[in-house]
Amino acid sequence: IDEFQAIQFKLAEMELRTAAGRELLYRACAMADRGEPGAGKY
């Protein structure tokens, strides 16, 4: 079923959103470690 475009698009969007969340989370964690202003917002 991963050869069907409907399934491919679902899996691609799942991976895309998860990867975007990881970048935001890691940025927020790094800001907290450095004690940067605005860490709470992130």
PDB file of all heavy atoms in Angstrom:
ATOM      1  N   ILE A   1       0.819  -1.216   0.000  1.00  0.00           N
ATOM      2  CA  ILE A   1       0.000   0.000   0.000  1.00  0.00           C
ATOM      3  C   ILE A   1       0.853   1.267   0.000  1.00  0.00           C
ATOM      4  O   ILE A   1       0.334   2.355  -0.294  1.00  0.00           O
ATOM      5  CB  ILE A   1      -1.001   0.026   1.171  1.00  0.00           C
ATOM      6  CG1 ILE A   1      -0.284   0.092   2.524  1.00  0.00           C
ATOM      7  CG2 ILE A   1      -1.940  -1.174   1.100  1.00  0.00           C
ATOM      8  CD1 ILE A   1      -1.250   0.327   3.692  1.00  0.00           C
ATOM      9  N   ASP A   2       2.154   1.163   0.322  1.00  0.00           N
ATOM     10  CA  ASP A   2       2.972   2.374   0.266  1.00  0.00           C
ATOM     11  C   ASP A   2       3.296   2.788  -1.174  1.00  0.00           C
ATOM     12  O   ASP A   2       3.949   3.802  -1.404  1.00  0.00           O
ATOM     13  CB  ASP A   2       4.258   2.236   1.083  1.00  0.00           C
ATOM     14  CG  ASP A   2       5.266   1.273   0.499  1.00  0.00           C
ATOM     15  OD1 ASP A   2       4.924   0.520  -0.455  1.00  0.00           O
ATOM     16  OD2 ASP A   2       6.408   1.248   0.994  1.00  0.00           O
ATOM     17  N   GLU A   3       2.818   2.004  -2.141  1.00  0.00           N
ATOM     18  CA  GLU A   3       2.968   2.398  -3.539  1.00  0.00           C
ATOM     19  C   GLU A   3       1.792   3.262  -4.020  1.00  0.00           C
ATOM     20  O   GLU A   3       1.835   3.822  -5.110  1.00  0.00           O
ATOM     21  CB  GLU A   3       3.110   1.168  -4.436  1.00  0.00           C
ATOM     22  CG  GLU A   3       4.412   0.405  -4.211  1.00  0.00           C
ATOM     23  CD  GLU A   3       4.569  -0.759  -5.177  1.00  0.00           C
ATOM     24  OE1 GLU A   3       3.738  -0.872  -6.121  1.00  0.00           O
ATOM     25  OE2 GLU A   3       5.512  -1.555  -4.987  1.00  0.00           O
ATOM     26  N   PHE A   4       0.745   3.369  -3.169  1.00  0.00           N
ATOM     27  CA  PHE A   4      -0.399   4.203  -3.535  1.00  0.00           C
ATOM     28  C   PHE A   4      -0.161   5.639  -3.069  1.00  0.00           C
ATOM     29  O   PHE A   4       0.234   5.880  -1.932  1.00  0.00           O
ATOM     30  CB  PHE A   4      -1.684   3.657  -2.912  1.00  0.00           C
ATOM     31  CG  PHE A   4      -2.052   2.289  -3.405  1.00  0.00           C
ATOM     32  CD1 PHE A   4      -1.932   1.183  -2.587  1.00  0.00           C
ATOM     33  CD2 PHE A   4      -2.510   2.107  -4.714  1.00  0.00           C
ATOM     34  CE1 PHE A   4      -2.266  -0.084  -3.044  1.00  0.00           C
ATOM     35  CE2 PHE A   4      -2.841   0.841  -5.178  1.00  0.00           C
ATOM     36  CZ  PHE A   4      -2.718  -0.262  -4.346  1.00  0.00           C
ATOM     37  N   GLN A   5      -0.441   6.572  -3.963  1.00  0.00           N
ATOM     38  CA  GLN A   5      -0.132   7.970  -3.658  1.00  0.00           C
ATOM     39  C   GLN A   5      -0.896   8.475  -2.434  1.00  0.00           C
ATOM     40  O   GLN A   5      -0.364   9.273  -1.645  1.00  0.00           O
ATOM     41  CB  GLN A   5      -0.441   8.855  -4.861  1.00  0.00           C
ATOM     42  CG  GLN A   5       0.101  10.276  -4.722  1.00  0.00           C
ATOM     43  CD  GLN A   5      -0.141  11.104  -5.965  1.00  0.00           C
ATOM     44  OE1 GLN A   5      -1.283  11.441  -6.272  1.00  0.00           O
ATOM     45  NE2 GLN A   5       0.915  11.414  -6.689  1.00  0.00           N
ATOM     46  N   ALA A   6      -2.118   8.018  -2.241  1.00  0.00           N
ATOM     47  CA  ALA A   6      -2.897   8.453  -1.079  1.00  0.00           C
ATOM     48  C   ALA A   6      -2.175   8.126   0.224  1.00  0.00           C
ATOM     49  O   ALA A   6      -2.145   8.932   1.164  1.00  0.00           O
ATOM     50  CB  ALA A   6      -4.281   7.811  -1.101  1.00  0.00           C
ATOM     51  N   ILE A   7      -1.587   6.937   0.282  1.00  0.00           N
ATOM     52  CA  ILE A   7      -0.841   6.529   1.471  1.00  0.00           C
ATOM     53  C   ILE A   7       0.494   7.259   1.537  1.00  0.00           C
ATOM     54  O   ILE A   7       0.931   7.702   2.614  1.00  0.00           O
ATOM     55  CB  ILE A   7      -0.627   5.001   1.469  1.00  0.00           C
ATOM     56  CG1 ILE A   7      -1.971   4.275   1.482  1.00  0.00           C
ATOM     57  CG2 ILE A   7       0.239   4.584   2.660  1.00  0.00           C
ATOM     58  CD1 ILE A   7      -2.817   4.548   2.714  1.00  0.00           C
ATOM     59  N   GLN A   8       1.164   7.420   0.418  1.00  0.00           N
ATOM     60  CA  GLN A   8       2.439   8.131   0.390  1.00  0.00           C
ATOM     61  C   GLN A   8       2.291   9.543   0.933  1.00  0.00           C
ATOM     62  O   GLN A   8       3.127  10.028   1.711  1.00  0.00           O
ATOM     63  CB  GLN A   8       2.984   8.182  -1.044  1.00  0.00           C
ATOM     64  CG  GLN A   8       3.433   6.838  -1.590  1.00  0.00           C
ATOM     65  CD  GLN A   8       3.791   6.911  -3.067  1.00  0.00           C
ATOM     66  OE1 GLN A   8       3.547   7.919  -3.731  1.00  0.00           O
ATOM     67  NE2 GLN A   8       4.370   5.828  -3.598  1.00  0.00           N
ATOM     68  N   PHE A   9       1.212  10.227   0.528  1.00  0.00           N
ATOM     69  CA  PHE A   9       1.004  11.601   0.985  1.00  0.00           C
ATOM     70  C   PHE A   9       0.738  11.653   2.489  1.00  0.00           C
ATOM     71  O   PHE A   9       1.196  12.569   3.171  1.00  0.00           O
ATOM     72  CB  PHE A   9      -0.147  12.241   0.215  1.00  0.00           C
ATOM     73  CG  PHE A   9       0.240  12.734  -1.160  1.00  0.00           C
ATOM     74  CD1 PHE A   9       1.490  12.458  -1.704  1.00  0.00           C
ATOM     75  CD2 PHE A   9      -0.652  13.481  -1.913  1.00  0.00           C
ATOM     76  CE1 PHE A   9       1.844  12.909  -2.966  1.00  0.00           C
ATOM     77  CE2 PHE A   9      -0.308  13.945  -3.177  1.00  0.00           C
ATOM     78  CZ  PHE A   9       0.944  13.657  -3.706  1.00  0.00           C
ATOM     79  N   LYS A  10      -0.003  10.677   2.999  1.00  0.00           N
ATOM     80  CA  LYS A  10      -0.234  10.625   4.449  1.00  0.00           C
ATOM     81  C   LYS A  10       1.093  10.462   5.202  1.00  0.00           C
ATOM     82  O   LYS A  10       1.382  11.193   6.150  1.00  0.00           O
ATOM     83  CB  LYS A  10      -1.165   9.471   4.811  1.00  0.00           C
ATOM     84  CG  LYS A  10      -2.634   9.714   4.546  1.00  0.00           C
ATOM     85  CD  LYS A  10      -3.462   8.546   5.068  1.00  0.00           C
ATOM     86  CE  LYS A  10      -4.933   8.728   4.735  1.00  0.00           C
ATOM     87  NZ  LYS A  10      -5.514   9.915   5.410  1.00  0.00           N
ATOM     88  N   LEU A  11       1.884   9.498   4.767  1.00  0.00           N
ATOM     89  CA  LEU A  11       3.150   9.228   5.454  1.00  0.00           C
ATOM     90  C   LEU A  11       4.093  10.416   5.341  1.00  0.00           C
ATOM     91  O   LEU A  11       4.797  10.762   6.310  1.00  0.00           O
ATOM     92  CB  LEU A  11       3.793   7.972   4.870  1.00  0.00           C
ATOM     93  CG  LEU A  11       3.000   6.667   5.029  1.00  0.00           C
ATOM     94  CD1 LEU A  11       3.714   5.534   4.294  1.00  0.00           C
ATOM     95  CD2 LEU A  11       2.798   6.316   6.498  1.00  0.00           C
ATOM     96  N   ALA A  12       4.116  11.057   4.186  1.00  0.00           N
ATOM     97  CA  ALA A  12       4.985  12.215   4.002  1.00  0.00           C
ATOM     98  C   ALA A  12       4.587  13.349   4.942  1.00  0.00           C
ATOM     99  O   ALA A  12       5.442  14.000   5.561  1.00  0.00           O
ATOM    100  CB  ALA A  12       4.934  12.693   2.553  1.00  0.00           C
ATOM    101  N   GLU A  13       3.286  13.593   5.067  1.00  0.00           N
ATOM    102  CA  GLU A  13       2.821  14.679   5.947  1.00  0.00           C
ATOM    103  C   GLU A  13       3.087  14.353   7.406  1.00  0.00           C
ATOM    104  O   GLU A  13       3.440  15.232   8.200  1.00  0.00           O
ATOM    105  CB  GLU A  13       1.329  14.916   5.720  1.00  0.00           C
ATOM    106  CG  GLU A  13       0.770  16.132   6.444  1.00  0.00           C
ATOM    107  CD  GLU A  13       1.262  17.467   5.888  1.00  0.00           C
ATOM    108  OE1 GLU A  13       1.777  17.491   4.751  1.00  0.00           O
ATOM    109  OE2 GLU A  13       1.137  18.478   6.595  1.00  0.00           O
ATOM    110  N   MET A  14       2.960  13.081   7.776  1.00  0.00           N
ATOM    111  CA  MET A  14       3.261  12.676   9.151  1.00  0.00           C
ATOM    112  C   MET A  14       4.721  12.944   9.477  1.00  0.00           C
ATOM    113  O   MET A  14       5.059  13.494  10.538  1.00  0.00           O
ATOM    114  CB  MET A  14       2.927  11.188   9.333  1.00  0.00           C
ATOM    115  CG  MET A  14       1.436  10.886   9.283  1.00  0.00           C
ATOM    116  SD  MET A  14       1.050   9.146   8.902  1.00  0.00           S
ATOM    117  CE  MET A  14       1.631   8.338  10.392  1.00  0.00           C
ATOM    118  N   GLU A  15       5.609  12.544   8.567  1.00  0.00           N
ATOM    119  CA  GLU A  15       7.045  12.762   8.781  1.00  0.00           C
ATOM    120  C   GLU A  15       7.384  14.245   8.781  1.00  0.00           C
ATOM    121  O   GLU A  15       8.200  14.716   9.585  1.00  0.00           O
ATOM    122  CB  GLU A  15       7.832  12.034   7.689  1.00  0.00           C
ATOM    123  CG  GLU A  15       9.350  12.145   7.815  1.00  0.00           C
ATOM    124  CD  GLU A  15       9.926  11.300   8.935  1.00  0.00           C
ATOM    125  OE1 GLU A  15       9.153  10.612   9.635  1.00  0.00           O
ATOM    126  OE2 GLU A  15      11.160  11.322   9.114  1.00  0.00           O
ATOM    127  N   LEU A  16       6.732  15.003   7.889  1.00  0.00           N
ATOM    128  CA  LEU A  16       7.003  16.439   7.778  1.00  0.00           C
ATOM    129  C   LEU A  16       6.662  17.163   9.079  1.00  0.00           C
ATOM    130  O   LEU A  16       7.469  17.943   9.604  1.00  0.00           O
ATOM    131  CB  LEU A  16       6.181  16.995   6.610  1.00  0.00           C
ATOM    132  CG  LEU A  16       6.384  18.440   6.158  1.00  0.00           C
ATOM    133  CD1 LEU A  16       5.918  18.590   4.711  1.00  0.00           C
ATOM    134  CD2 LEU A  16       5.601  19.415   7.035  1.00  0.00           C
ATOM    135  N   ARG A  17       5.460  16.935   9.590  1.00  0.00           N
ATOM    136  CA  ARG A  17       5.040  17.636  10.808  1.00  0.00           C
ATOM    137  C   ARG A  17       5.883  17.221  12.007  1.00  0.00           C
ATOM    138  O   ARG A  17       6.209  18.049  12.871  1.00  0.00           O
ATOM    139  CB  ARG A  17       3.563  17.376  11.077  1.00  0.00           C
ATOM    140  CG  ARG A  17       2.633  17.929  10.018  1.00  0.00           C
ATOM    141  CD  ARG A  17       1.197  17.933  10.511  1.00  0.00           C
ATOM    142  NE  ARG A  17       0.258  18.203   9.422  1.00  0.00           N
ATOM    143  CZ  ARG A  17      -1.039  18.445   9.607  1.00  0.00           C
ATOM    144  NH1 ARG A  17      -1.546  18.443  10.839  1.00  0.00           N
ATOM    145  NH2 ARG A  17      -1.832  18.672   8.574  1.00  0.00           N
ATOM    146  N   THR A  18       6.239  15.953  12.072  1.00  0.00           N
ATOM    147  CA  THR A  18       7.063  15.478  13.188  1.00  0.00           C
ATOM    148  C   THR A  18       8.447  16.114  13.143  1.00  0.00           C
ATOM    149  O   THR A  18       8.978  16.555  14.170  1.00  0.00           O
ATOM    150  CB  THR A  18       7.163  13.946  13.156  1.00  0.00           C
ATOM    151  OG1 THR A  18       5.855  13.377  13.226  1.00  0.00           O
ATOM    152  CG2 THR A  18       7.992  13.428  14.318  1.00  0.00           C
ATOM    153  N   ALA A  19       9.036  16.185  11.956  1.00  0.00           N
ATOM    154  CA  ALA A  19      10.359  16.802  11.813  1.00  0.00           C
ATOM    155  C   ALA A  19      10.316  18.285  12.176  1.00  0.00           C
ATOM    156  O   ALA A  19      11.228  18.806  12.828  1.00  0.00           O
ATOM    157  CB  ALA A  19      10.873  16.618  10.389  1.00  0.00           C
ATOM    158  N   ALA A  20       9.246  18.977  11.776  1.00  0.00           N
ATOM    159  CA  ALA A  20       9.119  20.401  12.108  1.00  0.00           C
ATOM    160  C   ALA A  20       8.992  20.587  13.617  1.00  0.00           C
ATOM    161  O   ALA A  20       9.593  21.499  14.202  1.00  0.00           O
ATOM    162  CB  ALA A  20       7.910  20.995  11.390  1.00  0.00           C
ATOM    163  N   GLY A  21       8.229  19.713  14.265  1.00  0.00           N
ATOM    164  CA  GLY A  21       8.096  19.787  15.718  1.00  0.00           C
ATOM    165  C   GLY A  21       9.421  19.575  16.427  1.00  0.00           C
ATOM    166  O   GLY A  21       9.718  20.229  17.434  1.00  0.00           O
ATOM    167  N   ARG A  22      10.232  18.666  15.892  1.00  0.00           N
ATOM    168  CA  ARG A  22      11.532  18.389  16.506  1.00  0.00           C
ATOM    169  C   ARG A  22      12.428  19.634  16.461  1.00  0.00           C
ATOM    170  O   ARG A  22      13.117  19.947  17.434  1.00  0.00           O
ATOM    171  CB  ARG A  22      12.204  17.214  15.808  1.00  0.00           C
ATOM    172  CG  ARG A  22      13.569  16.826  16.417  1.00  0.00           C
ATOM    173  CD  ARG A  22      14.094  15.535  15.824  1.00  0.00           C
ATOM    174  NE  ARG A  22      13.225  14.421  16.157  1.00  0.00           N
ATOM    175  CZ  ARG A  22      12.418  13.807  15.309  1.00  0.00           C
ATOM    176  NH1 ARG A  22      12.375  14.196  14.034  1.00  0.00           N
ATOM    177  NH2 ARG A  22      11.647  12.815  15.696  1.00  0.00           N
ATOM    178  N   GLU A  23      12.445  20.328  15.342  1.00  0.00           N
ATOM    179  CA  GLU A  23      13.264  21.542  15.241  1.00  0.00           C
ATOM    180  C   GLU A  23      12.826  22.583  16.260  1.00  0.00           C
ATOM    181  O   GLU A  23      13.658  23.235  16.900  1.00  0.00           O
ATOM    182  CB  GLU A  23      13.171  22.114  13.820  1.00  0.00           C
ATOM    183  CG  GLU A  23      13.758  21.227  12.736  1.00  0.00           C
ATOM    184  CD  GLU A  23      15.226  20.922  12.970  1.00  0.00           C
ATOM    185  OE1 GLU A  23      15.998  21.857  13.230  1.00  0.00           O
ATOM    186  OE2 GLU A  23      15.594  19.736  12.903  1.00  0.00           O
ATOM    187  N   LEU A  24      11.524  22.752  16.420  1.00  0.00           N
ATOM    188  CA  LEU A  24      11.016  23.739  17.371  1.00  0.00           C
ATOM    189  C   LEU A  24      11.323  23.327  18.805  1.00  0.00           C
ATOM    190  O   LEU A  24      11.746  24.147  19.633  1.00  0.00           O
ATOM    191  CB  LEU A  24       9.510  23.903  17.171  1.00  0.00           C
ATOM    192  CG  LEU A  24       8.797  24.982  17.989  1.00  0.00           C
ATOM    193  CD1 LEU A  24       9.449  26.343  17.813  1.00  0.00           C
ATOM    194  CD2 LEU A  24       7.320  25.039  17.610  1.00  0.00           C
ATOM    195  N   LEU A  25      11.133  22.048  19.114  1.00  0.00           N
ATOM    196  CA  LEU A  25      11.406  21.560  20.472  1.00  0.00           C
ATOM    197  C   LEU A  25      12.883  21.699  20.814  1.00  0.00           C
ATOM    198  O   LEU A  25      13.228  22.203  21.893  1.00  0.00           O
ATOM    199  CB  LEU A  25      10.972  20.102  20.608  1.00  0.00           C
ATOM    200  CG  LEU A  25      11.273  19.481  21.976  1.00  0.00           C
ATOM    201  CD1 LEU A  25      10.347  20.047  23.042  1.00  0.00           C
ATOM    202  CD2 LEU A  25      11.162  17.961  21.921  1.00  0.00           C
ATOM    203  N   TYR A  26      13.756  21.248  19.931  1.00  0.00           N
ATOM    204  CA  TYR A  26      15.185  21.307  20.230  1.00  0.00           C
ATOM    205  C   TYR A  26      15.651  22.756  20.360  1.00  0.00           C
ATOM    206  O   TYR A  26      16.520  23.064  21.178  1.00  0.00           O
ATOM    207  CB  TYR A  26      15.984  20.583  19.146  1.00  0.00           C
ATOM    208  CG  TYR A  26      15.884  19.068  19.174  1.00  0.00           C
ATOM    209  CD1 TYR A  26      14.965  18.407  19.997  1.00  0.00           C
ATOM    210  CD2 TYR A  26      16.696  18.283  18.360  1.00  0.00           C
ATOM    211  CE1 TYR A  26      14.876  17.024  19.994  1.00  0.00           C
ATOM    212  CE2 TYR A  26      16.622  16.896  18.371  1.00  0.00           C
ATOM    213  CZ  TYR A  26      15.703  16.273  19.181  1.00  0.00           C
ATOM    214  OH  TYR A  26      15.610  14.903  19.189  1.00  0.00           O
ATOM    215  N   ARG A  27      15.097  23.648  19.553  1.00  0.00           N
ATOM    216  CA  ARG A  27      15.438  25.068  19.681  1.00  0.00           C
ATOM    217  C   ARG A  27      15.029  25.583  21.055  1.00  0.00           C
ATOM    218  O   ARG A  27      15.803  26.284  21.721  1.00  0.00           O
ATOM    219  CB  ARG A  27      14.724  25.862  18.579  1.00  0.00           C
ATOM    220  CG  ARG A  27      14.702  27.383  18.777  1.00  0.00           C
ATOM    221  CD  ARG A  27      16.065  28.021  18.533  1.00  0.00           C
ATOM    222  NE  ARG A  27      16.040  29.447  18.825  1.00  0.00           N
ATOM    223  CZ  ARG A  27      15.637  30.393  17.979  1.00  0.00           C
ATOM    224  NH1 ARG A  27      15.217  30.059  16.762  1.00  0.00           N
ATOM    225  NH2 ARG A  27      15.677  31.662  18.325  1.00  0.00           N
ATOM    226  N   ALA A  28      13.831  25.242  21.491  1.00  0.00           N
ATOM    227  CA  ALA A  28      13.363  25.690  22.801  1.00  0.00           C
ATOM    228  C   ALA A  28      14.226  25.121  23.923  1.00  0.00           C
ATOM    229  O   ALA A  28      14.546  25.823  24.893  1.00  0.00           O
ATOM    230  CB  ALA A  28      11.906  25.283  22.992  1.00  0.00           C
ATOM    231  N   CYS A  29      14.620  23.852  23.803  1.00  0.00           N
ATOM    232  CA  CYS A  29      15.475  23.233  24.828  1.00  0.00           C
ATOM    233  C   CYS A  29      16.840  23.914  24.879  1.00  0.00           C
ATOM    234  O   CYS A  29      17.381  24.171  25.972  1.00  0.00           O
ATOM    235  CB  CYS A  29      15.651  21.749  24.532  1.00  0.00           C
ATOM    236  SG  CYS A  29      14.182  20.739  24.774  1.00  0.00           S
ATOM    237  N   ALA A  30      17.418  24.202  23.714  1.00  0.00           N
ATOM    238  CA  ALA A  30      18.714  24.866  23.671  1.00  0.00           C
ATOM    239  C   ALA A  30      18.628  26.260  24.276  1.00  0.00           C
ATOM    240  O   ALA A  30      19.548  26.703  24.980  1.00  0.00           O
ATOM    241  CB  ALA A  30      19.217  24.937  22.230  1.00  0.00           C
ATOM    242  N   MET A  31      17.534  26.965  24.022  1.00  0.00           N
ATOM    243  CA  MET A  31      17.344  28.287  24.623  1.00  0.00           C
ATOM    244  C   MET A  31      17.267  28.191  26.147  1.00  0.00           C
ATOM    245  O   MET A  31      17.828  29.027  26.862  1.00  0.00           O
ATOM    246  CB  MET A  31      16.075  28.934  24.071  1.00  0.00           C
ATOM    247  CG  MET A  31      16.167  29.341  22.615  1.00  0.00           C
ATOM    248  SD  MET A  31      14.606  30.016  21.985  1.00  0.00           S
ATOM    249  CE  MET A  31      14.569  31.619  22.831  1.00  0.00           C
ATOM    250  N   ALA A  32      16.569  27.169  26.644  1.00  0.00           N
ATOM    251  CA  ALA A  32      16.479  26.968  28.088  1.00  0.00           C
ATOM    252  C   ALA A  32      17.847  26.673  28.687  1.00  0.00           C
ATOM    253  O   ALA A  32      18.203  27.202  29.749  1.00  0.00           O
ATOM    254  CB  ALA A  32      15.502  25.838  28.398  1.00  0.00           C
ATOM    255  N   ASP A  33      18.640  25.855  28.013  1.00  0.00           N
ATOM    256  CA  ASP A  33      19.981  25.538  28.506  1.00  0.00           C
ATOM    257  C   ASP A  33      20.876  26.770  28.556  1.00  0.00           C
ATOM    258  O   ASP A  33      21.718  26.903  29.441  1.00  0.00           O
ATOM    259  CB  ASP A  33      20.628  24.462  27.626  1.00  0.00           C
ATOM    260  CG  ASP A  33      20.199  23.053  27.996  1.00  0.00           C
ATOM    261  OD1 ASP A  33      19.862  22.831  29.174  1.00  0.00           O
ATOM    262  OD2 ASP A  33      20.198  22.171  27.111  1.00  0.00           O
ATOM    263  N   ARG A  34      20.690  27.663  27.588  1.00  0.00           N
ATOM    264  CA  ARG A  34      21.518  28.871  27.540  1.00  0.00           C
ATOM    265  C   ARG A  34      20.944  30.016  28.364  1.00  0.00           C
ATOM    266  O   ARG A  34      21.583  31.058  28.495  1.00  0.00           O
ATOM    267  CB  ARG A  34      21.687  29.325  26.086  1.00  0.00           C
ATOM    268  CG  ARG A  34      22.505  28.370  25.217  1.00  0.00           C
ATOM    269  CD  ARG A  34      22.875  29.005  23.892  1.00  0.00           C
ATOM    270  NE  ARG A  34      21.707  29.248  23.054  1.00  0.00           N
ATOM    271  CZ  ARG A  34      21.314  28.452  22.061  1.00  0.00           C
ATOM    272  NH1 ARG A  34      22.001  27.346  21.800  1.00  0.00           N
ATOM    273  NH2 ARG A  34      20.248  28.753  21.329  1.00  0.00           N
ATOM    274  N   GLY A  35      19.733  29.830  28.898  1.00  0.00           N
ATOM    275  CA  GLY A  35      19.100  30.887  29.663  1.00  0.00           C
ATOM    276  C   GLY A  35      18.727  32.089  28.820  1.00  0.00           C
ATOM    277  O   GLY A  35      18.737  33.232  29.298  1.00  0.00           O
ATOM    278  N   GLU A  36      18.366  31.871  27.564  1.00  0.00           N
ATOM    279  CA  GLU A  36      18.057  32.968  26.648  1.00  0.00           C
ATOM    280  C   GLU A  36      16.699  33.594  26.962  1.00  0.00           C
ATOM    281  O   GLU A  36      15.750  32.896  27.330  1.00  0.00           O
ATOM    282  CB  GLU A  36      18.040  32.467  25.200  1.00  0.00           C
ATOM    283  CG  GLU A  36      19.398  32.151  24.625  1.00  0.00           C
ATOM    284  CD  GLU A  36      19.306  31.799  23.141  1.00  0.00           C
ATOM    285  OE1 GLU A  36      18.301  32.179  22.504  1.00  0.00           O
ATOM    286  OE2 GLU A  36      20.238  31.146  22.648  1.00  0.00           O
ATOM    287  N   PRO A  37      16.569  34.897  26.782  1.00  0.00           N
ATOM    288  CA  PRO A  37      15.251  35.538  26.880  1.00  0.00           C
ATOM    289  C   PRO A  37      14.310  34.956  25.832  1.00  0.00           C
ATOM    290  O   PRO A  37      14.734  34.627  24.727  1.00  0.00           O
ATOM    291  CB  PRO A  37      15.553  37.016  26.578  1.00  0.00           C
ATOM    292  CG  PRO A  37      17.016  37.184  26.833  1.00  0.00           C
ATOM    293  CD  PRO A  37      17.652  35.863  26.503  1.00  0.00           C
ATOM    294  N   GLY A  38      13.053  34.817  26.202  1.00  0.00           N
ATOM    295  CA  GLY A  38      12.080  34.270  25.268  1.00  0.00           C
ATOM    296  C   GLY A  38      11.978  32.759  25.276  1.00  0.00           C
ATOM    297  O   GLY A  38      11.190  32.184  24.508  1.00  0.00           O
ATOM    298  N   ALA A  39      12.744  32.090  26.138  1.00  0.00           N
ATOM    299  CA  ALA A  39      12.698  30.625  26.176  1.00  0.00           C
ATOM    300  C   ALA A  39      11.311  30.121  26.562  1.00  0.00           C
ATOM    301  O   ALA A  39      10.862  29.083  26.067  1.00  0.00           O
ATOM    302  CB  ALA A  39      13.748  30.092  27.145  1.00  0.00           C
ATOM    303  N   GLY A  40      10.616  30.857  27.439  1.00  0.00           N
ATOM    304  CA  GLY A  40       9.276  30.443  27.852  1.00  0.00           C
ATOM    305  C   GLY A  40       8.291  30.442  26.698  1.00  0.00           C
ATOM    306  O   GLY A  40       7.461  29.538  26.562  1.00  0.00           O
ATOM    307  N   LYS A  41       8.373  31.453  25.858  1.00  0.00           N
ATOM    308  CA  LYS A  41       7.502  31.515  24.678  1.00  0.00           C
ATOM    309  C   LYS A  41       7.770  30.331  23.760  1.00  0.00           C
ATOM    310  O   LYS A  41       6.831  29.681  23.270  1.00  0.00           O
ATOM    311  CB  LYS A  41       7.752  32.824  23.938  1.00  0.00           C
ATOM    312  CG  LYS A  41       7.111  32.916  22.571  1.00  0.00           C
ATOM    313  CD  LYS A  41       7.559  34.189  21.859  1.00  0.00           C
ATOM    314  CE  LYS A  41       7.129  34.224  20.406  1.00  0.00           C
ATOM    315  NZ  LYS A  41       7.605  35.438  19.714  1.00  0.00           N
ATOM    316  N   TYR A  42       9.031  30.023  23.528  1.00  0.00           N
ATOM    317  CA  TYR A  42       9.367  28.909  22.649  1.00  0.00           C
ATOM    318  C   TYR A  42       8.964  27.574  23.267  1.00  0.00           C
ATOM    319  O   TYR A  42       8.579  26.644  22.549  1.00  0.00           O
ATOM    320  CB  TYR A  42      10.848  28.933  22.293  1.00  0.00           C
ATOM    321  CG  TYR A  42      11.136  29.740  21.058  1.00  0.00           C
ATOM    322  CD1 TYR A  42      11.224  31.125  21.113  1.00  0.00           C
ATOM    323  CD2 TYR A  42      11.270  29.132  19.816  1.00  0.00           C
ATOM    324  CE1 TYR A  42      11.450  31.891  19.977  1.00  0.00           C
ATOM    325  CE2 TYR A  42      11.499  29.878  18.663  1.00  0.00           C
ATOM    326  CZ  TYR A  42      11.586  31.248  18.758  1.00  0.00           C
ATOM    327  OH  TYR A  42      11.790  31.980  17.620  1.00  0.00           O
TER     328      TYR A  42
END
